[in-house]
Amino acid sequence: MLNSDSSWLYSSSMRNLSANGVPDHEVGTFPNQGNPNKIAAATVEAECT
């Protein structure tokens, strides 16, 4: 089972989000007949100033 993970770093001029893209809620069964893909962790990052 995968766990959702995210964090925020911030300063007076920057905000940075880092996450693994795993949902933090219950999802259906994957893979399945209509979708052969597995749920997997990914690198998700966003930065704004």
Protein backbone atom coordinates (compact mmCIF):
# COMPACT_ATOMS: atom_id res chain seq x y z
CA MET A 1 0.00 0.00 0.00
CA LEU A 2 1.28 3.46 -0.91
CA ASN A 3 0.97 6.47 1.37
CA SER A 4 0.32 10.04 0.29
CA ASP A 5 3.17 12.39 1.18
CA SER A 6 3.50 16.14 0.69
CA SER A 7 5.32 19.08 2.22
CA TRP A 8 5.43 22.86 1.90
CA LEU A 9 8.57 24.96 2.27
CA TYR A 10 8.18 28.70 2.38
CA SER A 11 10.04 31.94 2.93
CA SER A 12 9.06 35.58 2.62
CA SER A 13 9.44 35.41 -1.17
CA MET A 14 8.93 31.75 -2.18
CA ARG A 15 6.52 28.83 -1.75
CA ASN A 16 7.54 25.29 -2.72
CA LEU A 17 5.29 22.21 -2.77
CA SER A 18 6.80 18.75 -2.97
CA ALA A 19 4.61 15.62 -3.12
CA ASN A 20 4.53 12.05 -4.34
CA GLY A 21 1.23 12.25 -6.26
CA VAL A 22 -0.42 9.40 -4.34
CA PRO A 23 -4.09 10.11 -3.49
CA ASP A 24 -4.94 10.65 0.19
CA HIS A 25 -8.35 9.01 -0.26
CA GLU A 26 -9.67 5.57 -1.15
CA VAL A 27 -9.47 4.71 -4.86
CA GLY A 28 -10.77 1.89 -7.05
CA THR A 29 -8.90 -1.29 -7.95
CA PHE A 30 -6.08 -0.85 -10.46
CA PRO A 31 -5.12 -2.30 -12.80
CA ASN A 32 -8.55 -3.31 -14.07
CA GLN A 33 -10.18 -4.25 -17.39
CA GLY A 34 -10.64 -0.60 -18.42
CA ASN A 35 -7.30 0.70 -17.12
CA PRO A 36 -4.14 -1.45 -17.11
CA ASN A 37 -2.10 1.09 -15.11
CA LYS A 38 -1.06 0.72 -11.48
CA ILE A 39 -1.14 3.59 -9.00
CA ALA A 40 2.47 4.54 -8.36
CA ALA A 41 4.36 7.30 -6.61
CA ALA A 42 5.67 10.15 -8.79
CA THR A 43 7.66 13.30 -8.17
CA VAL A 44 5.42 16.38 -8.07
CA GLU A 45 6.95 19.79 -7.42
CA ALA A 46 5.65 23.33 -7.77
CA GLU A 47 7.28 26.63 -6.86
CA CYS A 48 5.92 30.15 -6.90
CA THR A 49 7.32 33.48 -5.86
